[in-house]
Structure formats: structure tokens, C-alpha cells
């Protein structure tokens, strides 16, 4: 990989890193926020959920706009919007006596910004390289930055909150501004062929939706499977992180930075696994399928441990094994969906995938809040069942061909 392209990738990797920090950094802080604002656990989970809900609906629009006007022209304003939302939540927490609803508004604005930033990164990597193996390596780095953000987030969030409980809110705009500078000065996205670019800009929204519908219809089976798999992974991941954050504080009285370090253990396993998988799967779509399958299988089997022992060590062991499984699956899913898409539709299709991942993020904390009120075993059984559905879906719905693999057909104009 060219050194110039490495700088581009590192700058792009800052976007998912910072967007992940902006969300995941708050998970270990939620019990503190709940006590400070005197709200219920379901209400505090909405701080994560409202961010994701706005992202879900606006990500496809951002994908379309990035296909039509360019990746950087969407990423940079979106990062500015995310910074503004973070600043609003920080200001409300600092200055207002009852800031909960203003925090939710700020988180909604942040979610809108996230919708136009993080999902556009994947098609941007696809644009930068022609060789599929280089695309896979690039996506592996992006996914590693994403997962590294998840490793760093509980430590950083808990550390900042230990000083001032609302300090994590203020840290978000600072990080966004750093990412903006990196993207402006380091990322050089290749321009599309002038004729195809002109044709794309002339295409009406109606025609675009017609082409998109045709593309989805021709590839509905495996494409919908990957969408659902992305949602499943994020639902289980954010659900169990919310569960772990809660029990560490309420049951084991592990708080502040120590709590962040404990939560980072399974996320570190996820990050390392994601990095290795991104480098190893290459451009072989059969390997991608089996990497995703064994990842989901490991995630499923890890929860069996908790049917026999529910000590803190067993919970962490389960989450470490599950993290390895998630890390093995994510880069393969990213590569399958990015490498199989024509450049003109890449932003839109991958944005739909990102949107489905945010569905899982949004659903995880409130679902696991309800499961925790029932019993710990309900948490474990549900996690196992959902993960098993993912493993079966990979096995049955993704069927790459030896000569070329799963490939999206370009809709005829």
C-alpha cells in the first residue's frame, strides 16, 4: 500500500474512531448520569438510542448525497454538526438544572452529524483503491479504528467522568475538530470519471430511487442478510456492554477508571481480532464468508459458559471470546458489501448497511434494560439466540462463487 494512501487511510480512520468515542464513551458513564439527573435506567439508555435513531433515517440520504456530490463534501459538514451537538450536550449539563431533554436534543444533532460522517468512510475507501485486496486491507484498518475506539471509550469516558461527570460531552467537539483538520489536509479522494460523474449529477432522485430499487431487488437475498447481520452484531455488542457497565457498578462496585479498564478487556480482544481478520481475508469472498460464520459461531458458543457459571471472570471470558468472534466477522461483512458495489451506488448501498448497524446500536441498551429486569439468564439466552440466528444466516444466505464471489449487479439506467 502506498505511503500516501496510508496517510489518507489514517485520516479517514479518525472519523469512525471519533464517532465511536462519541457514542461508546458514554456507556460506562450512564449509571453516573442516571444518578446525577435522577432519571430511570430506561431514560438514560435513550441517550444512546436517540443518537442512533436519527442516524438510522438520515444515513441513506447521506450515502446518496456522497455519491452525487463527493465524499469529503459530506463528511466535513457532518463532523461540524456532530461537534455542535456535542457542545450543546456539554453546555446543557454544565449550565442547566434539568438538562435531560436538551441533552437528548444535542444527542439527536450529534446523531445527524454521525449519519453523514462515519458511513461515508467505507465507500470512500472503496473509491481510493482498484485492487480488491487493498480495499479489504483498508476496510480492516477502518474497522480496527472503529473497534479501537470501543476499547478506548470506556477508559476515556470513565476517566473524564471521574473528574467532572459531564466532561465526556465536551470532549466530543474537540475530537471532531481534530478529525476535520485531518480529513481536509490528508484525504485525497480520486475523482470519478468525468462522464459518469456528470451522468450521476444529472440523475434525478426519482431515477436514483428506481435504480436503487432494481439493484436491491436483483440482490435481495444476500444483501438483506448482510444488513441484518450488521444489526445483530451491534445489538448484541451494545446490549452486553450496557449490561456489563451496569453490573460492574451496581453488583461489583467497580467504578471510574477501574471500571473503564475492565470494560476495555473484551473490546481489546475485538479490536485485535478485527485487525487480524482485515489483513488475512484478502479478496477471497469464500474466506470472507467462513470468517463471518465462525465469528458468529464463536459469539454464539461463548454465551454457553454463562449457563454454568455467572461469576465476573466467566462474564469477562464470555465477552472476550464473543469479542474475538465479532472482530472476525465485521471486516468480512464490510468487504463483502463494499467490494461488490459499483462506485456510482457504493455510498448509498453501504449507507443502508451502516443504517442497519445503527438499528442494532439503538435497540441494544433499551432491550437489555428490559431483559435485566427479568433476569441475568434472560440476557444470556437472548444473546445466544440472536447470535445463533446470525450464524445460520451467514451459512444459508451468503453463497459466494469460487470464481468471483458475491457481486452486486449494476442497475441499468
Protein backbone atom coordinates (compact mmCIF):
# COMPACT_ATOMS: atom_id res chain seq x y z
CA UNK A 1 0.00 0.00 0.00
CA UNK A 2 1.40 3.42 -0.98
CA UNK A 3 2.61 5.63 1.88
CA UNK A 4 0.45 8.48 0.53
CA UNK A 5 -2.61 6.24 0.71
CA UNK A 6 -1.66 5.21 4.26
CA UNK A 7 -1.93 8.85 5.36
CA UNK A 8 -5.31 9.08 3.64
CA UNK A 9 -6.48 5.95 5.46
CA UNK A 10 -5.20 7.13 8.83
CA UNK A 11 -7.08 10.41 8.39
CA UNK A 12 -10.24 8.58 7.35
CA UNK A 13 -9.83 6.16 10.26
CA UNK A 14 -10.08 9.13 12.63
CA UNK A 15 -13.76 9.54 11.63
CA UNK A 16 -15.09 6.15 12.87
CA UNK A 17 -12.70 6.36 15.83
CA UNK A 18 -14.15 9.69 16.94
CA UNK A 19 -17.77 8.82 16.10
CA UNK A 20 -17.39 5.60 18.11
CA UNK A 21 -15.91 7.50 21.03
CA UNK A 22 -18.80 9.96 20.81
CA UNK A 23 -21.26 7.15 21.49
CA UNK A 24 -19.45 4.32 23.28
CA UNK A 25 -17.60 6.70 25.64
CA UNK A 26 -20.93 7.41 27.34
CA UNK A 27 -21.81 3.77 28.11
CA UNK A 28 -19.69 3.49 31.30
CA UNK A 29 -20.94 6.95 32.33
CA UNK A 30 -24.66 6.14 32.01
CA UNK A 31 -25.11 4.98 35.64
CA UNK A 32 -23.47 8.24 36.79
CA UNK A 33 -25.72 10.32 34.51
CA UNK A 34 -28.74 8.39 35.79
CA UNK A 35 -27.93 9.31 39.38
CA UNK A 36 -26.98 12.93 38.61
CA UNK A 37 -30.14 13.64 36.60
CA UNK A 38 -32.33 11.40 38.80
CA UNK A 39 -33.85 9.56 35.84
CA UNK A 40 -34.68 5.89 35.20
CA UNK A 41 -32.35 3.37 33.55
CA UNK A 42 -34.66 3.29 30.52
CA UNK A 43 -34.48 7.08 30.22
CA UNK A 44 -30.71 7.12 30.46
CA UNK A 45 -30.46 4.43 27.76
CA UNK A 46 -32.24 6.89 25.45
CA UNK A 47 -29.07 9.00 25.42
CA UNK A 48 -27.55 6.22 23.31
CA UNK A 49 -30.74 5.34 21.46
CA UNK A 50 -31.78 8.83 20.29
CA UNK A 51 -28.33 9.33 18.73
CA UNK A 52 -28.77 6.12 16.76
CA UNK A 53 -32.40 6.69 15.75
CA UNK A 54 -31.61 9.92 13.91
CA UNK A 55 -28.60 8.28 12.28
CA UNK A 56 -30.72 5.35 11.07
CA UNK A 57 -33.06 7.51 8.99
CA UNK A 58 -30.51 10.01 7.69
CA UNK A 59 -27.63 7.69 6.77
CA UNK A 60 -29.21 6.63 3.43
CA UNK A 61 -29.66 10.30 2.49
CA UNK A 62 -26.02 10.98 3.32
CA UNK A 63 -24.99 8.00 1.17
CA UNK A 64 -26.95 9.34 -1.80
CA UNK A 65 -25.52 12.84 -1.36
CA UNK A 66 -21.98 11.45 -1.14
CA UNK A 67 -22.50 9.53 -4.40
CA UNK A 68 -23.75 12.67 -6.08
CA UNK A 69 -21.58 15.47 -4.67
CA UNK A 70 -18.47 13.74 -3.29
CA UNK A 71 -17.39 12.07 -0.06
CA UNK A 72 -15.45 14.93 1.59
CA UNK A 73 -18.22 17.43 0.87
CA UNK A 74 -20.50 15.35 3.08
CA UNK A 75 -18.00 14.19 5.74
CA UNK A 76 -16.70 17.63 6.77
CA UNK A 77 -20.06 19.42 7.36
CA UNK A 78 -21.30 16.30 9.15
CA UNK A 79 -18.35 16.39 11.55
CA UNK A 80 -19.10 20.07 12.24
CA UNK A 81 -22.70 19.15 13.05
CA UNK A 82 -21.57 16.33 15.36
CA UNK A 83 -19.27 18.81 17.13
CA UNK A 84 -22.17 21.26 17.58
CA UNK A 85 -24.38 18.55 19.07
CA UNK A 86 -21.64 17.52 21.49
CA UNK A 87 -21.11 21.12 22.56
CA UNK A 88 -24.85 21.54 23.21
CA UNK A 89 -24.98 18.47 25.47
CA UNK A 90 -21.91 19.69 27.35
CA UNK A 91 -23.32 23.19 27.80
CA UNK A 92 -26.72 21.89 28.99
CA UNK A 93 -25.12 19.53 31.51
CA UNK A 94 -22.95 22.33 32.84
CA UNK A 95 -25.44 25.22 32.96
CA UNK A 96 -28.94 23.77 33.33
CA UNK A 97 -30.61 22.41 36.46
CA UNK A 98 -32.69 19.87 34.50
CA UNK A 99 -30.75 19.27 31.27
CA UNK A 100 -32.09 15.83 30.24
CA UNK A 101 -34.29 16.95 27.32
CA UNK A 102 -31.67 19.37 25.99
CA UNK A 103 -29.09 16.58 26.21
CA UNK A 104 -31.38 14.44 24.05
CA UNK A 105 -31.68 17.29 21.51
CA UNK A 106 -27.90 17.62 21.44
CA UNK A 107 -27.52 13.88 21.01
CA UNK A 108 -30.03 13.98 18.14
CA UNK A 109 -27.96 16.68 16.40
CA UNK A 110 -24.86 14.60 17.02
CA UNK A 111 -26.61 11.58 15.50
CA UNK A 112 -27.47 13.62 12.40
CA UNK A 113 -23.80 14.55 12.07
CA UNK A 114 -22.73 10.95 12.58
CA UNK A 115 -25.12 9.88 9.82
CA UNK A 116 -23.15 11.91 7.29
CA UNK A 117 -19.67 11.14 8.59
CA UNK A 118 -18.93 7.55 9.59
CA UNK A 119 -20.97 5.64 6.93
CA UNK A 120 -19.42 7.62 4.05
CA UNK A 121 -15.94 6.43 5.07
CA UNK A 122 -16.47 2.87 3.80
CA UNK A 123 -17.33 3.84 0.20
CA UNK A 124 -14.53 6.41 0.33
CA UNK A 125 -12.04 3.58 0.96
CA UNK A 126 -13.60 1.66 -1.92
CA UNK A 127 -13.04 4.67 -4.18
CA UNK A 128 -9.38 5.00 -3.23
CA UNK A 129 -8.26 1.57 -4.43
CA UNK A 130 -8.88 -0.53 -7.52
CA UNK A 131 -7.40 -3.76 -6.16
CA UNK A 132 -9.91 -5.68 -4.02
CA UNK A 133 -7.21 -6.92 -1.64
CA UNK A 134 -6.14 -3.33 -0.96
CA UNK A 135 -9.79 -2.39 -0.35
CA UNK A 136 -10.12 -5.22 2.19
CA UNK A 137 -6.95 -4.13 4.00
CA UNK A 138 -8.18 -0.54 4.03
CA UNK A 139 -11.56 -1.56 5.41
CA UNK A 140 -9.81 -3.70 8.01
CA UNK A 141 -7.94 -0.60 9.19
CA UNK A 142 -11.17 1.41 9.31
CA UNK A 143 -12.96 -1.32 11.27
CA UNK A 144 -9.95 -1.59 13.58
CA UNK A 145 -10.14 2.16 14.25
CA UNK A 146 -13.83 1.67 14.97
CA UNK A 147 -13.16 -1.16 17.41
CA UNK A 148 -10.13 0.60 18.92
CA UNK A 149 -12.50 3.47 19.66
CA UNK A 150 -14.64 0.97 21.55
CA UNK A 151 -11.55 -0.16 23.51
CA UNK A 152 -10.50 3.39 24.36
CA UNK A 153 -14.02 4.70 25.00
CA UNK A 154 -14.80 3.07 28.39
CA UNK A 155 -11.39 4.02 29.76
CA UNK A 156 -11.53 7.58 28.48
CA UNK A 157 -15.21 8.06 29.36
CA UNK A 158 -14.76 6.78 32.91
CA UNK A 159 -11.57 8.80 33.40
CA UNK A 160 -13.16 12.06 32.26
CA UNK A 161 -16.37 11.47 34.22
CA UNK A 162 -14.33 10.81 37.37
CA UNK A 163 -13.14 14.43 37.16
CA UNK A 164 -16.43 16.06 36.07
CA UNK A 165 -19.43 13.90 35.19
CA UNK A 166 -20.32 15.84 32.01
CA UNK A 167 -16.73 16.21 30.72
CA UNK A 168 -17.16 13.37 28.15
CA UNK A 169 -19.80 15.52 26.40
CA UNK A 170 -17.28 18.36 25.97
CA UNK A 171 -14.58 16.04 24.67
CA UNK A 172 -16.63 15.14 21.59
CA UNK A 173 -16.45 18.54 19.77
CA UNK A 174 -12.70 18.72 20.40
CA UNK A 175 -12.18 15.31 18.77
CA UNK A 176 -14.46 16.25 15.84
CA UNK A 177 -12.39 19.36 15.08
CA UNK A 178 -9.19 17.26 15.04
CA UNK A 179 -10.80 14.83 12.58
CA UNK A 180 -11.99 17.70 10.36
CA UNK A 181 -8.42 19.02 10.02
CA UNK A 182 -7.07 15.54 9.23
CA UNK A 183 -9.70 14.92 6.53
CA UNK A 184 -9.25 18.37 4.94
CA UNK A 185 -5.47 18.19 4.63
CA UNK A 186 -4.72 14.49 4.20
CA UNK A 187 -7.60 12.79 2.37
CA UNK A 188 -7.39 12.92 -1.42
CA UNK A 189 -10.36 11.04 -2.91
CA UNK A 190 -9.92 10.12 -6.60
CA UNK A 191 -12.39 11.91 -8.82
CA UNK A 192 -14.90 9.81 -10.73
CA UNK A 193 -14.67 9.56 -14.46
CA UNK A 194 -16.00 12.89 -15.76
CA UNK A 195 -18.70 11.37 -17.92
CA UNK A 196 -20.03 9.04 -15.19
CA UNK A 197 -19.82 11.88 -12.65
CA UNK A 198 -21.83 14.15 -14.93
CA UNK A 199 -24.37 11.39 -15.51
CA UNK A 200 -24.67 10.80 -11.75
CA UNK A 201 -25.32 14.51 -11.08
CA UNK A 202 -27.96 14.68 -13.78
CA UNK A 203 -29.79 11.70 -12.37
CA UNK A 204 -32.98 12.75 -10.62
CA UNK A 205 -33.91 11.46 -7.18
CA UNK A 206 -36.78 9.55 -8.78
CA UNK A 207 -34.44 7.84 -11.24
CA UNK A 208 -31.93 7.21 -8.49
CA UNK A 209 -34.57 5.52 -6.31
CA UNK A 210 -35.71 3.47 -9.30
CA UNK A 211 -32.14 2.26 -9.93
CA UNK A 212 -31.62 1.56 -6.25
CA UNK A 213 -34.84 -0.47 -6.07
CA UNK A 214 -33.71 -2.53 -9.05
CA UNK A 215 -30.28 -3.15 -7.54
CA UNK A 216 -31.81 -4.26 -4.23
CA UNK A 217 -34.35 -6.48 -5.98
CA UNK A 218 -31.67 -8.28 -8.02
CA UNK A 219 -29.57 -8.98 -4.91
CA UNK A 220 -32.21 -9.11 -2.19
CA UNK A 221 -31.15 -12.42 -0.59
CA UNK A 222 -27.50 -11.99 0.37
CA UNK A 223 -27.69 -8.20 0.60
CA UNK A 224 -30.54 -8.23 3.14
CA UNK A 225 -28.67 -10.95 5.04
CA UNK A 226 -25.64 -8.68 5.47
CA UNK A 227 -27.89 -5.79 6.53
CA UNK A 228 -29.47 -7.98 9.23
CA UNK A 229 -26.09 -9.38 10.32
CA UNK A 230 -24.77 -5.86 10.85
CA UNK A 231 -27.78 -5.07 13.05
CA UNK A 232 -27.38 -8.30 15.05
CA UNK A 233 -23.71 -7.67 15.81
CA UNK A 234 -24.31 -4.13 17.05
CA UNK A 235 -27.39 -5.13 19.07
CA UNK A 236 -25.51 -7.85 20.96
CA UNK A 237 -22.36 -5.75 21.34
CA UNK A 238 -24.02 -2.61 22.71
CA UNK A 239 -26.52 -4.66 24.72
CA UNK A 240 -23.87 -6.66 26.57
CA UNK A 241 -21.70 -3.56 27.07
CA UNK A 242 -24.67 -1.82 28.69
CA UNK A 243 -25.25 -4.92 30.84
CA UNK A 244 -21.57 -5.09 31.84
CA UNK A 245 -21.45 -1.38 32.68
CA UNK A 246 -24.47 -1.72 34.93
CA UNK A 247 -23.42 -4.83 36.87
CA UNK A 248 -19.84 -3.62 37.37
CA UNK A 249 -21.16 -0.59 39.24
CA UNK A 250 -24.24 -1.97 40.96
CA UNK A 251 -23.12 -5.52 41.77
CA UNK A 252 -19.33 -5.40 42.00
CA UNK A 253 -18.90 -1.72 42.98
CA UNK A 254 -16.25 -1.21 40.32
CA UNK A 255 -16.39 2.44 39.27
CA UNK A 256 -14.49 5.24 37.49
CA UNK A 257 -11.28 4.42 35.63
CA UNK A 258 -11.08 0.88 37.05
CA UNK A 259 -14.49 0.19 35.56
CA UNK A 260 -13.33 1.55 32.19
CA UNK A 261 -10.27 -0.71 32.23
CA UNK A 262 -12.39 -3.79 32.96
CA UNK A 263 -14.82 -2.93 30.13
CA UNK A 264 -11.90 -2.43 27.76
CA UNK A 265 -10.71 -6.05 28.12
CA UNK A 266 -13.27 -7.70 25.79
CA UNK A 267 -13.15 -4.70 23.45
CA UNK A 268 -9.38 -5.06 23.11
CA UNK A 269 -9.92 -8.69 22.04
CA UNK A 270 -12.45 -7.45 19.48
CA UNK A 271 -10.03 -4.83 18.14
CA UNK A 272 -7.13 -7.27 17.73
CA UNK A 273 -9.36 -9.85 16.08
CA UNK A 274 -10.74 -7.23 13.67
CA UNK A 275 -7.23 -6.08 12.72
CA UNK A 276 -6.01 -9.63 12.05
CA UNK A 277 -9.14 -10.56 10.08
CA UNK A 278 -8.86 -7.43 7.92
CA UNK A 279 -5.30 -8.38 6.96
CA UNK A 280 -5.94 -12.09 6.40
CA UNK A 281 -9.20 -12.37 4.43
CA UNK A 282 -7.76 -10.62 1.35
CA UNK A 283 -10.08 -10.56 -1.65
CA UNK A 284 -11.28 -14.15 -1.30
CA UNK A 285 -15.02 -13.96 -0.75
CA UNK A 286 -15.25 -17.61 0.30
CA UNK A 287 -12.78 -16.88 3.10
CA UNK A 288 -14.88 -13.81 3.99
CA UNK A 289 -17.99 -15.96 4.34
CA UNK A 290 -16.33 -18.53 6.58
CA UNK A 291 -14.60 -15.88 8.66
CA UNK A 292 -18.00 -14.28 9.27
CA UNK A 293 -19.61 -17.66 10.01
CA UNK A 294 -17.00 -18.80 12.54
CA UNK A 295 -17.11 -15.35 14.09
CA UNK A 296 -20.85 -15.63 14.69
CA UNK A 297 -20.45 -19.25 15.81
CA UNK A 298 -17.82 -18.26 18.40
CA UNK A 299 -20.06 -15.40 19.58
CA UNK A 300 -22.95 -17.86 19.98
CA UNK A 301 -20.96 -20.53 21.81
CA UNK A 302 -19.36 -18.03 24.18
CA UNK A 303 -22.69 -17.45 25.95
CA UNK A 304 -22.97 -21.16 26.81
CA UNK A 305 -20.32 -20.59 29.52
CA UNK A 306 -22.76 -18.40 31.45
CA UNK A 307 -25.35 -21.18 31.67
CA UNK A 308 -22.99 -22.92 34.13
CA UNK A 309 -21.13 -20.09 35.86
CA UNK A 310 -22.04 -16.41 36.21
CA UNK A 311 -19.02 -15.10 38.08
CA UNK A 312 -17.39 -11.87 36.88
CA UNK A 313 -14.49 -13.89 35.46
CA UNK A 314 -16.91 -16.05 33.43
CA UNK A 315 -18.74 -12.97 32.15
CA UNK A 316 -15.46 -11.38 31.04
CA UNK A 317 -14.28 -14.65 29.45
CA UNK A 318 -17.56 -14.86 27.55
CA UNK A 319 -17.23 -11.30 26.33
CA UNK A 320 -13.59 -11.79 25.31
CA UNK A 321 -14.50 -14.85 23.21
CA UNK A 322 -17.54 -13.05 21.83
CA UNK A 323 -15.38 -10.02 21.02
CA UNK A 324 -12.97 -12.21 19.05
CA UNK A 325 -15.97 -13.56 17.12
CA UNK A 326 -17.35 -10.11 16.37
CA UNK A 327 -13.90 -8.93 15.31
CA UNK A 328 -13.59 -11.85 12.88
CA UNK A 329 -17.00 -11.17 11.33
CA UNK A 330 -17.09 -7.39 10.90
CA UNK A 331 -14.26 -6.81 8.35
CA UNK A 332 -15.60 -9.67 6.21
CA UNK A 333 -19.11 -8.21 6.15
CA UNK A 334 -17.69 -4.76 5.34
CA UNK A 335 -15.59 -6.13 2.48
CA UNK A 336 -18.38 -8.27 1.01
CA UNK A 337 -20.73 -5.33 0.76
CA UNK A 338 -18.17 -2.70 -0.33
CA UNK A 339 -16.25 -4.66 -2.95
CA UNK A 340 -19.44 -5.90 -4.59
CA UNK A 341 -20.87 -2.45 -5.32
CA UNK A 342 -20.39 -0.27 -8.36
CA UNK A 343 -18.79 3.08 -7.49
CA UNK A 344 -21.86 5.08 -8.54
CA UNK A 345 -24.04 3.29 -5.96
CA UNK A 346 -21.41 2.43 -3.38
CA UNK A 347 -22.21 5.24 -0.96
CA UNK A 348 -25.94 4.53 -0.96
CA UNK A 349 -25.79 0.74 -0.51
CA UNK A 350 -23.11 0.85 2.18
CA UNK A 351 -25.07 3.60 3.93
CA UNK A 352 -28.07 1.27 4.14
CA UNK A 353 -25.77 -1.29 5.76
CA UNK A 354 -24.49 1.34 8.21
CA UNK A 355 -28.06 2.35 8.94
CA UNK A 356 -28.93 -1.23 9.87
CA UNK A 357 -25.91 -1.35 12.18
CA UNK A 358 -27.28 1.71 13.94
CA UNK A 359 -30.61 -0.10 14.35
CA UNK A 360 -28.72 -2.60 16.49
CA UNK A 361 -26.98 0.20 18.43
CA UNK A 362 -30.33 1.89 19.09
CA UNK A 363 -32.13 -1.30 20.13
CA UNK A 364 -29.40 -2.81 22.32
CA UNK A 365 -29.48 -0.69 25.53
CA UNK A 366 -33.29 -0.45 25.92
CA UNK A 367 -33.79 -4.15 25.06
CA UNK A 368 -31.14 -5.25 27.55
CA UNK A 369 -32.58 -2.89 30.18
CA UNK A 370 -35.84 -4.84 29.96
CA UNK A 371 -34.04 -8.20 29.93
CA UNK A 372 -32.02 -7.27 33.03
CA UNK A 373 -35.23 -6.52 34.92
CA UNK A 374 -36.33 -10.07 34.13
CA UNK A 375 -33.10 -11.97 34.93
CA UNK A 376 -29.44 -12.38 34.02
CA UNK A 377 -30.29 -15.66 32.32
CA UNK A 378 -32.71 -13.82 30.03
CA UNK A 379 -29.77 -11.64 28.93
CA UNK A 380 -27.59 -14.68 28.21
CA UNK A 381 -30.28 -16.72 26.45
CA UNK A 382 -31.38 -13.83 24.25
CA UNK A 383 -27.78 -13.03 23.30
CA UNK A 384 -27.13 -16.66 22.41
CA UNK A 385 -30.34 -16.96 20.38
CA UNK A 386 -29.78 -13.76 18.39
CA UNK A 387 -26.14 -14.69 17.69
CA UNK A 388 -27.19 -18.18 16.54
CA UNK A 389 -29.64 -16.61 14.07
CA UNK A 390 -26.67 -14.63 12.69
CA UNK A 391 -24.54 -17.77 12.24
CA UNK A 392 -27.37 -19.57 10.41
CA UNK A 393 -27.98 -16.52 8.22
CA UNK A 394 -24.31 -16.39 7.13
CA UNK A 395 -24.34 -20.10 6.35
CA UNK A 396 -27.60 -20.12 4.37
CA UNK A 397 -27.83 -16.69 2.70
CA UNK A 398 -24.26 -15.79 1.71
CA UNK A 399 -23.11 -18.02 -1.14
CA UNK A 400 -20.01 -16.63 -2.87
CA UNK A 401 -18.86 -18.19 -6.13
CA UNK A 402 -15.30 -19.56 -6.37
CA UNK A 403 -14.50 -17.52 -9.48
CA UNK A 404 -15.67 -14.12 -8.30
CA UNK A 405 -17.80 -14.22 -5.24
CA UNK A 406 -20.96 -12.40 -4.40
CA UNK A 407 -21.28 -9.42 -6.69
CA UNK A 408 -23.86 -6.71 -6.89
CA UNK A 409 -25.21 -6.11 -10.35
CA UNK A 410 -25.21 -2.51 -11.51
CA UNK A 411 -28.71 -1.29 -12.22
CA UNK A 412 -29.24 -0.29 -15.83
CA UNK A 413 -30.02 3.35 -16.39
